[in-house]
Structure formats: C-alpha cells, structure tokens
C-alpha cells in the first residue's frame, strides 16, 4: 500500500482565500539552493532537473529496500531576499534566493541519496546533482493559504499575509516564504 503524505500532514491542506495558522512538523527534504529569477535563471532549471530524478529514485529505493511505498511529494520552494520588500512588494526576482525541495519520508538515509545521485548521473550529465542534499527542515508555527493562478498574480497574497494577517494576529515573520506546488511548477 502506498502512503500519501499529502493526506496525512495538515500543512498540505491549505484553503484558497483563507489564511490559517498551522504547526508544521519537522520534515525531511531533498533540497538544492539557488539565486535569481526562476523564469530565466539557468540555475533554477538545473535545480529542477537535478531534484526530480533523485526524488523518484529515492522512492524506488524505499519500495525495494524497505518495502515501504509512497507517493512522491510535490515540488516545494523556500523564497527570500535580504530585503523582503524585493519579494513581497517590488517583486524584483533577480534579488531572490531560493531552495527547491521535495519532502521524503523520515526513513530516507544519506545512503539512499548517494545511490540515487549515482543512478541519475549514469543516465547522463545533470548539473547540480552533487548539490542536492538531504536535510531536516523545521518550521513549527506557520501561516498558510492556497493561491490559485499564475505566479505573477501572487504578489498580493504574501503582501496581505506579511503586512495584515500576521501583525493582526500578534505574530511576526521569522522564516522564509514557503510554497508547495500542487501542479507542475515548470508550467
């Protein structure tokens, strides 16, 4: 039987047009970092090309090595800028920092990552394979919502979250902007 963590972890169930406060448990991710506008940055495209084959191979290894099968989780990203106004107001994407990530089960090991990296490398040259890492990421208390539509229409959502909802609820921004892509982030 396949486990679908999207159905088991509350932070994967945001509602459109509603801000809610959730506690995100510590989770393990395949991660790769970069900088710049995701629409035109070669590093962003290379990161996507590196993380997906590793995630799929780790899933296969889980099924064959441990007998545990699961649905590969969606692509996620952390976004930030030294000046968060470049992210929420000015939308100066050339100043953005990012970490692409795909959640993996907590039984995933560094050995799984090494085997998956080698398998992806055997299929051809993929820049960035060596930059993918396995890391536990802790967020804890978070504010979430669901945005439907083009990324370029998203700016009012984090603006309202950061400048209205969070202060109105006696909270403060302490982490990075975290997005989960329920559809193919490349489209």
C-alpha atoms as a PDB file:
ATOM      1  CA  UNK A   1       0.000   0.000   0.000  1.00  0.00           C
ATOM      2  CA  UNK A   2       1.283   3.477  -0.922  1.00  0.00           C
ATOM      3  CA  UNK A   3       1.441   6.215   1.691  1.00  0.00           C
ATOM      4  CA  UNK A   4       0.323   9.663   0.526  1.00  0.00           C
ATOM      5  CA  UNK A   5       1.802  12.121   2.991  1.00  0.00           C
ATOM      6  CA  UNK A   6      -0.241  14.977   1.467  1.00  0.00           C
ATOM      7  CA  UNK A   7      -3.273  13.370   3.090  1.00  0.00           C
ATOM      8  CA  UNK A   8      -1.542  12.822   6.441  1.00  0.00           C
ATOM      9  CA  UNK A   9       0.207  16.148   7.102  1.00  0.00           C
ATOM     10  CA  UNK A  10      -2.062  19.143   7.830  1.00  0.00           C
ATOM     11  CA  UNK A  11       0.248  21.698   6.242  1.00  0.00           C
ATOM     12  CA  UNK A  12      -0.544  20.192   2.814  1.00  0.00           C
ATOM     13  CA  UNK A  13      -4.249  21.097   3.098  1.00  0.00           C
ATOM     14  CA  UNK A  14      -4.428  24.883   2.705  1.00  0.00           C
ATOM     15  CA  UNK A  15      -7.677  26.534   1.608  1.00  0.00           C
ATOM     16  CA  UNK A  16      -7.999  29.133  -1.141  1.00  0.00           C
ATOM     17  CA  UNK A  17      -8.595  32.677   0.111  1.00  0.00           C
ATOM     18  CA  UNK A  18      -8.229  31.749   3.783  1.00  0.00           C
ATOM     19  CA  UNK A  19      -5.198  32.381   5.972  1.00  0.00           C
ATOM     20  CA  UNK A  20      -4.801  29.796   8.724  1.00  0.00           C
ATOM     21  CA  UNK A  21      -2.226  29.153  11.407  1.00  0.00           C
ATOM     22  CA  UNK A  22      -0.792  25.622  11.405  1.00  0.00           C
ATOM     23  CA  UNK A  23       2.009  23.816  13.142  1.00  0.00           C
ATOM     24  CA  UNK A  24       4.317  22.216  10.598  1.00  0.00           C
ATOM     25  CA  UNK A  25       6.209  19.215  11.975  1.00  0.00           C
ATOM     26  CA  UNK A  26       9.925  18.783  11.296  1.00  0.00           C
ATOM     27  CA  UNK A  27      10.186  17.072   7.904  1.00  0.00           C
ATOM     28  CA  UNK A  28      12.994  15.628   5.794  1.00  0.00           C
ATOM     29  CA  UNK A  29      13.580  17.067   2.338  1.00  0.00           C
ATOM     30  CA  UNK A  30      15.777  16.704  -0.672  1.00  0.00           C
ATOM     31  CA  UNK A  31      16.972  20.299  -1.123  1.00  0.00           C
ATOM     32  CA  UNK A  32      19.004  22.381  -3.563  1.00  0.00           C
ATOM     33  CA  UNK A  33      19.716  26.121  -3.325  1.00  0.00           C
ATOM     34  CA  UNK A  34      19.987  28.911  -5.834  1.00  0.00           C
ATOM     35  CA  UNK A  35      19.612  32.590  -6.592  1.00  0.00           C
ATOM     36  CA  UNK A  36      17.783  34.704  -9.133  1.00  0.00           C
ATOM     37  CA  UNK A  37      14.652  34.949 -11.215  1.00  0.00           C
ATOM     38  CA  UNK A  38      13.131  31.469 -11.612  1.00  0.00           C
ATOM     39  CA  UNK A  39      11.722  32.485 -15.001  1.00  0.00           C
ATOM     40  CA  UNK A  40      15.138  32.991 -16.585  1.00  0.00           C
ATOM     41  CA  UNK A  41      17.748  31.554 -14.230  1.00  0.00           C
ATOM     42  CA  UNK A  42      19.609  28.558 -15.688  1.00  0.00           C
ATOM     43  CA  UNK A  43      20.383  27.538 -12.089  1.00  0.00           C
ATOM     44  CA  UNK A  44      16.650  27.179 -11.352  1.00  0.00           C
ATOM     45  CA  UNK A  45      16.093  24.919 -14.370  1.00  0.00           C
ATOM     46  CA  UNK A  46      19.184  22.881 -13.488  1.00  0.00           C
ATOM     47  CA  UNK A  47      17.972  22.508  -9.899  1.00  0.00           C
ATOM     48  CA  UNK A  48      14.619  21.155 -11.079  1.00  0.00           C
ATOM     49  CA  UNK A  49      16.403  18.793 -13.475  1.00  0.00           C
ATOM     50  CA  UNK A  50      18.547  17.516 -10.586  1.00  0.00           C
ATOM     51  CA  UNK A  51      15.976  17.124  -7.813  1.00  0.00           C
ATOM     52  CA  UNK A  52      13.252  15.176  -9.655  1.00  0.00           C
ATOM     53  CA  UNK A  53      15.314  12.146 -10.757  1.00  0.00           C
ATOM     54  CA  UNK A  54      16.790  11.871  -7.278  1.00  0.00           C
ATOM     55  CA  UNK A  55      13.327  12.054  -5.647  1.00  0.00           C
ATOM     56  CA  UNK A  56      11.967   9.372  -7.977  1.00  0.00           C
ATOM     57  CA  UNK A  57      14.943   7.081  -7.382  1.00  0.00           C
ATOM     58  CA  UNK A  58      14.735   7.534  -3.596  1.00  0.00           C
ATOM     59  CA  UNK A  59      11.057   6.486  -3.795  1.00  0.00           C
ATOM     60  CA  UNK A  60      12.043   3.383  -5.818  1.00  0.00           C
ATOM     61  CA  UNK A  61      14.790   2.545  -3.291  1.00  0.00           C
ATOM     62  CA  UNK A  62      12.306   2.888  -0.449  1.00  0.00           C
ATOM     63  CA  UNK A  63       9.968   0.418  -2.109  1.00  0.00           C
ATOM     64  CA  UNK A  64      12.672  -2.128  -2.981  1.00  0.00           C
ATOM     65  CA  UNK A  65      14.946  -1.770   0.077  1.00  0.00           C
ATOM     66  CA  UNK A  66      12.440  -1.233   2.867  1.00  0.00           C
ATOM     67  CA  UNK A  67       9.149  -2.469   1.388  1.00  0.00           C
ATOM     68  CA  UNK A  68       7.636   0.959   2.060  1.00  0.00           C
ATOM     69  CA  UNK A  69       5.999   2.674  -0.897  1.00  0.00           C
ATOM     70  CA  UNK A  70       4.817   6.265  -1.037  1.00  0.00           C
ATOM     71  CA  UNK A  71       3.601   8.913  -3.445  1.00  0.00           C
ATOM     72  CA  UNK A  72       6.414  11.277  -4.483  1.00  0.00           C
ATOM     73  CA  UNK A  73       5.632  14.590  -2.857  1.00  0.00           C
ATOM     74  CA  UNK A  74       5.180  17.807  -4.828  1.00  0.00           C
ATOM     75  CA  UNK A  75       7.949  20.276  -5.505  1.00  0.00           C
ATOM     76  CA  UNK A  76       8.224  22.956  -2.830  1.00  0.00           C
ATOM     77  CA  UNK A  77      10.358  26.057  -2.521  1.00  0.00           C
ATOM     78  CA  UNK A  78      11.577  28.434   0.127  1.00  0.00           C
ATOM     79  CA  UNK A  79      11.863  32.018  -1.123  1.00  0.00           C
ATOM     80  CA  UNK A  80      13.511  35.011   0.480  1.00  0.00           C
ATOM     81  CA  UNK A  81      15.546  38.104  -0.165  1.00  0.00           C
ATOM     82  CA  UNK A  82      17.880  40.115   2.016  1.00  0.00           C
ATOM     83  CA  UNK A  83      15.237  42.833   1.680  1.00  0.00           C
ATOM     84  CA  UNK A  84      11.877  41.037   1.800  1.00  0.00           C
ATOM     85  CA  UNK A  85      10.268  44.009   0.014  1.00  0.00           C
ATOM     86  CA  UNK A  86      12.007  42.678  -3.114  1.00  0.00           C
ATOM     87  CA  UNK A  87       9.841  39.596  -2.648  1.00  0.00           C
ATOM     88  CA  UNK A  88       6.504  40.923  -1.414  1.00  0.00           C
ATOM     89  CA  UNK A  89       6.194  44.397  -2.935  1.00  0.00           C
ATOM     90  CA  UNK A  90       8.745  45.202  -5.641  1.00  0.00           C
ATOM     91  CA  UNK A  91       8.846  41.572  -6.897  1.00  0.00           C
ATOM     92  CA  UNK A  92      12.458  42.055  -8.005  1.00  0.00           C
ATOM     93  CA  UNK A  93      13.035  38.400  -8.819  1.00  0.00           C
ATOM     94  CA  UNK A  94      16.691  38.958  -9.687  1.00  0.00           C
ATOM     95  CA  UNK A  95      17.283  39.521  -5.937  1.00  0.00           C
ATOM     96  CA  UNK A  96      15.503  36.366  -4.789  1.00  0.00           C
ATOM     97  CA  UNK A  97      17.176  33.457  -3.032  1.00  0.00           C
ATOM     98  CA  UNK A  98      15.529  30.045  -3.140  1.00  0.00           C
ATOM     99  CA  UNK A  99      15.756  26.448  -2.018  1.00  0.00           C
ATOM    100  CA  UNK A 100      13.865  23.861  -4.047  1.00  0.00           C
ATOM    101  CA  UNK A 101      12.770  20.875  -2.029  1.00  0.00           C
ATOM    102  CA  UNK A 102      10.794  17.639  -2.146  1.00  0.00           C
ATOM    103  CA  UNK A 103       9.681  16.052   1.128  1.00  0.00           C
ATOM    104  CA  UNK A 104      10.844  12.471   1.690  1.00  0.00           C
ATOM    105  CA  UNK A 105       9.923  10.016   4.462  1.00  0.00           C
ATOM    106  CA  UNK A 106      11.968  10.095   7.652  1.00  0.00           C
ATOM    107  CA  UNK A 107      13.376   6.643   6.881  1.00  0.00           C
ATOM    108  CA  UNK A 108      15.288   8.112   3.910  1.00  0.00           C
ATOM    109  CA  UNK A 109      19.038   7.938   4.531  1.00  0.00           C
ATOM    110  CA  UNK A 110      22.166   9.609   3.213  1.00  0.00           C
ATOM    111  CA  UNK A 111      22.943   6.249   1.570  1.00  0.00           C
ATOM    112  CA  UNK A 112      19.642   6.432  -0.358  1.00  0.00           C
ATOM    113  CA  UNK A 113      20.642   9.903  -1.557  1.00  0.00           C
ATOM    114  CA  UNK A 114      24.099   8.699  -2.645  1.00  0.00           C
ATOM    115  CA  UNK A 115      22.670   5.744  -4.589  1.00  0.00           C
ATOM    116  CA  UNK A 116      20.014   7.967  -6.201  1.00  0.00           C
ATOM    117  CA  UNK A 117      22.632  10.557  -7.166  1.00  0.00           C
ATOM    118  CA  UNK A 118      24.771   7.839  -8.801  1.00  0.00           C
ATOM    119  CA  UNK A 119      21.764   6.411 -10.677  1.00  0.00           C
ATOM    120  CA  UNK A 120      20.829   9.845 -12.032  1.00  0.00           C
ATOM    121  CA  UNK A 121      24.436  10.512 -13.080  1.00  0.00           C
ATOM    122  CA  UNK A 122      24.560   7.226 -15.042  1.00  0.00           C
ATOM    123  CA  UNK A 123      21.624   8.413 -17.156  1.00  0.00           C
ATOM    124  CA  UNK A 124      23.545  11.449 -18.384  1.00  0.00           C
ATOM    125  CA  UNK A 125      25.135  14.694 -17.343  1.00  0.00           C
ATOM    126  CA  UNK A 126      22.826  16.565 -14.987  1.00  0.00           C
ATOM    127  CA  UNK A 127      24.318  19.731 -13.486  1.00  0.00           C
ATOM    128  CA  UNK A 128      23.559  20.162  -9.814  1.00  0.00           C
ATOM    129  CA  UNK A 129      23.252  16.509  -8.790  1.00  0.00           C
ATOM    130  CA  UNK A 130      26.050  16.926  -6.251  1.00  0.00           C
ATOM    131  CA  UNK A 131      24.292  19.981  -4.797  1.00  0.00           C
ATOM    132  CA  UNK A 132      21.135  18.090  -3.802  1.00  0.00           C
ATOM    133  CA  UNK A 133      21.214  17.339  -0.091  1.00  0.00           C
ATOM    134  CA  UNK A 134      19.033  15.541   2.439  1.00  0.00           C
ATOM    135  CA  UNK A 135      18.082  17.837   5.294  1.00  0.00           C
ATOM    136  CA  UNK A 136      15.549  18.058   8.108  1.00  0.00           C
ATOM    137  CA  UNK A 137      13.711  21.391   7.953  1.00  0.00           C
ATOM    138  CA  UNK A 138      11.800  22.751  10.929  1.00  0.00           C
ATOM    139  CA  UNK A 139       9.161  25.458  10.561  1.00  0.00           C
ATOM    140  CA  UNK A 140       6.792  24.959  13.516  1.00  0.00           C
ATOM    141  CA  UNK A 141       4.111  27.686  13.674  1.00  0.00           C
ATOM    142  CA  UNK A 142       3.225  28.922  10.170  1.00  0.00           C
ATOM    143  CA  UNK A 143       0.561  30.850   8.305  1.00  0.00           C
ATOM    144  CA  UNK A 144      -0.740  29.233   5.141  1.00  0.00           C
ATOM    145  CA  UNK A 145      -3.183  29.798   2.313  1.00  0.00           C
ATOM    146  CA  UNK A 146      -3.777  28.455  -1.178  1.00  0.00           C
ATOM    147  CA  UNK A 147      -3.093  30.659  -4.224  1.00  0.00           C
ATOM    148  CA  UNK A 148      -4.711  29.592  -7.484  1.00  0.00           C
ATOM    149  CA  UNK A 149      -3.427  31.211 -10.644  1.00  0.00           C
ATOM    150  CA  UNK A 150      -0.233  32.468 -12.272  1.00  0.00           C
ATOM    151  CA  UNK A 151       2.797  33.114 -10.101  1.00  0.00           C
ATOM    152  CA  UNK A 152       2.954  36.703 -11.308  1.00  0.00           C
ATOM    153  CA  UNK A 153      -0.523  37.302  -9.833  1.00  0.00           C
ATOM    154  CA  UNK A 154       0.574  36.055  -6.428  1.00  0.00           C
ATOM    155  CA  UNK A 155       2.147  39.264  -5.021  1.00  0.00           C
ATOM    156  CA  UNK A 156      -0.993  40.468  -3.160  1.00  0.00           C
ATOM    157  CA  UNK A 157      -1.187  37.166  -1.248  1.00  0.00           C
ATOM    158  CA  UNK A 158       2.187  37.312   0.586  1.00  0.00           C
ATOM    159  CA  UNK A 159       1.738  41.074   0.924  1.00  0.00           C
ATOM    160  CA  UNK A 160      -1.593  40.573   2.765  1.00  0.00           C
ATOM    161  CA  UNK A 161      -0.101  37.699   4.774  1.00  0.00           C
ATOM    162  CA  UNK A 162       3.030  39.597   5.853  1.00  0.00           C
ATOM    163  CA  UNK A 163       1.529  43.051   6.344  1.00  0.00           C
ATOM    164  CA  UNK A 164      -2.018  42.374   7.545  1.00  0.00           C
ATOM    165  CA  UNK A 165      -2.798  38.846   8.757  1.00  0.00           C
ATOM    166  CA  UNK A 166       0.455  38.193  10.634  1.00  0.00           C
ATOM    167  CA  UNK A 167       0.569  41.534  12.521  1.00  0.00           C
ATOM    168  CA  UNK A 168      -3.203  41.462  13.162  1.00  0.00           C
ATOM    169  CA  UNK A 169      -2.755  38.109  14.933  1.00  0.00           C
ATOM    170  CA  UNK A 170       0.196  39.253  17.064  1.00  0.00           C
ATOM    171  CA  UNK A 171       2.587  37.112  15.026  1.00  0.00           C
ATOM    172  CA  UNK A 172       5.799  38.077  13.273  1.00  0.00           C
ATOM    173  CA  UNK A 173       7.601  36.886  10.172  1.00  0.00           C
ATOM    174  CA  UNK A 174      10.594  34.823  11.255  1.00  0.00           C
ATOM    175  CA  UNK A 175      11.204  32.384   8.437  1.00  0.00           C
ATOM    176  CA  UNK A 176      11.236  32.101   4.711  1.00  0.00           C
ATOM    177  CA  UNK A 177       8.258  32.176   2.370  1.00  0.00           C
ATOM    178  CA  UNK A 178       7.383  28.513   1.719  1.00  0.00           C
ATOM    179  CA  UNK A 179       5.424  27.427  -1.350  1.00  0.00           C
ATOM    180  CA  UNK A 180       4.088  23.986  -2.227  1.00  0.00           C
ATOM    181  CA  UNK A 181       3.265  23.450  -5.923  1.00  0.00           C
ATOM    182  CA  UNK A 182       0.204  21.295  -6.359  1.00  0.00           C
ATOM    183  CA  UNK A 183       0.632  21.313 -10.133  1.00  0.00           C
ATOM    184  CA  UNK A 184       3.774  21.225 -12.266  1.00  0.00           C
ATOM    185  CA  UNK A 185       5.832  24.242 -11.165  1.00  0.00           C
ATOM    186  CA  UNK A 186       7.503  24.389 -14.574  1.00  0.00           C
ATOM    187  CA  UNK A 187       4.239  25.439 -16.252  1.00  0.00           C
END
